[in-house]
Amino acid sequence: MKNTIAIIHWIDSAMHGSRQKSRQEWKDYKLVNGISVGIIVHEDKKQITIGQDWFYKDNIGSLDEFRSVSSYSKNGIKKIRRIKLSI
């Protein structure tokens, strides 16, 4: 998993605002589909965590750190494509 990029196709809950609408109007609102891409920071049976930016150990002063990190529940993931980095 180390040094691997993940392309995650996911579906999850969505916030539709606080406007008043009828039950009929709300029935057309759906879950959100998205794609996220990043370096795998952690993965287990329940979730995958990716970071947008990775500062790997070969950089001066770096400690193998990540930023802009997000976690995704495996329950909402439709597909994950993993690409091994050759660094």
C-alpha atoms as a PDB file:
ATOM      1  CA  MET A   1       0.000   0.000   0.000  1.00  0.00           C
ATOM      2  CA  LYS A   2       2.898   2.374   0.629  1.00  0.00           C
ATOM      3  CA  ASN A   3       3.525   4.773  -2.276  1.00  0.00           C
ATOM      4  CA  THR A   4       0.197   3.956  -3.917  1.00  0.00           C
ATOM      5  CA  ILE A   5      -2.306   6.322  -5.517  1.00  0.00           C
ATOM      6  CA  ALA A   6      -6.002   5.485  -5.116  1.00  0.00           C
ATOM      7  CA  ILE A   7      -8.782   6.604  -7.439  1.00  0.00           C
ATOM      8  CA  ILE A   8     -11.961   6.173  -5.413  1.00  0.00           C
ATOM      9  CA  HIS A   9     -15.464   6.166  -6.924  1.00  0.00           C
ATOM     10  CA  TRP A  10     -17.844   6.747  -4.014  1.00  0.00           C
ATOM     11  CA  ILE A  11     -21.455   7.540  -3.159  1.00  0.00           C
ATOM     12  CA  ASP A  12     -22.477   9.243   0.072  1.00  0.00           C
ATOM     13  CA  SER A  13     -24.999  11.447   1.817  1.00  0.00           C
ATOM     14  CA  ALA A  14     -25.681  14.997   0.630  1.00  0.00           C
ATOM     15  CA  MET A  15     -26.908  18.163   2.323  1.00  0.00           C
ATOM     16  CA  HIS A  16     -29.703  19.730   0.264  1.00  0.00           C
ATOM     17  CA  GLY A  17     -30.202  22.939   2.226  1.00  0.00           C
ATOM     18  CA  SER A  18     -32.885  24.069   4.630  1.00  0.00           C
ATOM     19  CA  ARG A  19     -35.554  25.411   2.243  1.00  0.00           C
ATOM     20  CA  GLN A  20     -39.067  24.128   2.713  1.00  0.00           C
ATOM     21  CA  LYS A  21     -40.294  21.791   0.001  1.00  0.00           C
ATOM     22  CA  SER A  22     -43.015  19.201  -0.233  1.00  0.00           C
ATOM     23  CA  ARG A  23     -42.406  15.472   0.124  1.00  0.00           C
ATOM     24  CA  GLN A  24     -42.978  15.234  -3.635  1.00  0.00           C
ATOM     25  CA  GLU A  25     -40.280  17.844  -4.379  1.00  0.00           C
ATOM     26  CA  TRP A  26     -37.762  16.199  -2.027  1.00  0.00           C
ATOM     27  CA  LYS A  27     -38.187  12.744  -3.586  1.00  0.00           C
ATOM     28  CA  ASP A  28     -36.061  13.776  -6.588  1.00  0.00           C
ATOM     29  CA  TYR A  29     -32.976  14.571  -4.470  1.00  0.00           C
ATOM     30  CA  LYS A  30     -30.354  11.828  -4.460  1.00  0.00           C
ATOM     31  CA  LEU A  31     -27.113  10.777  -2.834  1.00  0.00           C
ATOM     32  CA  VAL A  32     -23.904  12.363  -4.131  1.00  0.00           C
ATOM     33  CA  ASN A  33     -21.569  10.447  -6.465  1.00  0.00           C
ATOM     34  CA  GLY A  34     -17.943  11.522  -6.495  1.00  0.00           C
ATOM     35  CA  ILE A  35     -14.408  10.601  -7.438  1.00  0.00           C
ATOM     36  CA  SER A  36     -11.469  11.321  -5.159  1.00  0.00           C
ATOM     37  CA  VAL A  37      -7.775  10.797  -5.857  1.00  0.00           C
ATOM     38  CA  GLY A  38      -4.809  10.727  -3.484  1.00  0.00           C
ATOM     39  CA  ILE A  39      -1.925   8.843  -1.922  1.00  0.00           C
ATOM     40  CA  ILE A  40      -3.098   6.045   0.397  1.00  0.00           C
ATOM     41  CA  VAL A  41      -2.249   7.002   3.984  1.00  0.00           C
ATOM     42  CA  HIS A  42      -4.130   4.141   5.677  1.00  0.00           C
ATOM     43  CA  GLU A  43      -6.536   1.368   4.710  1.00  0.00           C
ATOM     44  CA  ASP A  44      -8.384  -1.326   6.629  1.00  0.00           C
ATOM     45  CA  LYS A  45     -11.625  -3.313   6.228  1.00  0.00           C
ATOM     46  CA  LYS A  46     -13.838  -0.343   7.171  1.00  0.00           C
ATOM     47  CA  GLN A  47     -12.203   2.671   5.514  1.00  0.00           C
ATOM     48  CA  ILE A  48      -9.528   4.095   3.251  1.00  0.00           C
ATOM     49  CA  THR A  49      -7.701   7.349   4.006  1.00  0.00           C
ATOM     50  CA  ILE A  50      -5.965   9.339   1.273  1.00  0.00           C
ATOM     51  CA  GLY A  51      -3.856  12.487   1.252  1.00  0.00           C
ATOM     52  CA  GLN A  52      -3.786  15.021  -1.549  1.00  0.00           C
ATOM     53  CA  ASP A  53      -0.187  16.044  -0.850  1.00  0.00           C
ATOM     54  CA  TRP A  54       2.675  13.796   0.246  1.00  0.00           C
ATOM     55  CA  PHE A  55       6.067  15.005   1.423  1.00  0.00           C
ATOM     56  CA  TYR A  56       8.181  11.872   1.266  1.00  0.00           C
ATOM     57  CA  LYS A  57      11.332  11.161   3.248  1.00  0.00           C
ATOM     58  CA  ASP A  58      13.772  12.073   0.482  1.00  0.00           C
ATOM     59  CA  ASN A  59      12.772  15.752   0.772  1.00  0.00           C
ATOM     60  CA  ILE A  60      14.996  17.925   2.940  1.00  0.00           C
ATOM     61  CA  GLY A  61      13.390  18.262   6.368  1.00  0.00           C
ATOM     62  CA  SER A  62      10.421  16.044   5.535  1.00  0.00           C
ATOM     63  CA  LEU A  63       9.164  13.308   7.811  1.00  0.00           C
ATOM     64  CA  ASP A  64       6.945  11.344   5.404  1.00  0.00           C
ATOM     65  CA  GLU A  65       3.976  13.646   6.034  1.00  0.00           C
ATOM     66  CA  PHE A  66       0.599  14.232   4.372  1.00  0.00           C
ATOM     67  CA  ARG A  67      -1.907  17.104   4.157  1.00  0.00           C
ATOM     68  CA  SER A  68      -5.439  17.574   2.832  1.00  0.00           C
ATOM     69  CA  VAL A  69      -6.361  14.118   4.132  1.00  0.00           C
ATOM     70  CA  SER A  70      -9.823  12.523   3.775  1.00  0.00           C
ATOM     71  CA  SER A  71     -11.295   9.200   4.915  1.00  0.00           C
ATOM     72  CA  TYR A  72     -13.960   7.223   3.043  1.00  0.00           C
ATOM     73  CA  SER A  73     -16.168   4.455   4.399  1.00  0.00           C
ATOM     74  CA  LYS A  74     -15.823   1.221   2.425  1.00  0.00           C
ATOM     75  CA  ASN A  75     -19.652   0.933   2.598  1.00  0.00           C
ATOM     76  CA  GLY A  76     -19.992   3.882   0.215  1.00  0.00           C
ATOM     77  CA  ILE A  77     -17.192   2.980  -2.179  1.00  0.00           C
ATOM     78  CA  LYS A  78     -18.222   1.581  -5.545  1.00  0.00           C
ATOM     79  CA  LYS A  79     -14.729   1.056  -6.977  1.00  0.00           C
ATOM     80  CA  ILE A  80     -11.082   1.673  -6.051  1.00  0.00           C
ATOM     81  CA  ARG A  81      -8.273   1.698  -8.589  1.00  0.00           C
ATOM     82  CA  ARG A  82      -4.768   1.502  -7.116  1.00  0.00           C
ATOM     83  CA  ILE A  83      -1.671   2.697  -8.981  1.00  0.00           C
ATOM     84  CA  LYS A  84       1.731   1.853  -7.534  1.00  0.00           C
ATOM     85  CA  LEU A  85       4.232   4.726  -7.613  1.00  0.00           C
ATOM     86  CA  SER A  86       7.800   3.995  -8.594  1.00  0.00           C
ATOM     87  CA  ILE A  87       9.733   6.521  -6.511  1.00  0.00           C
END
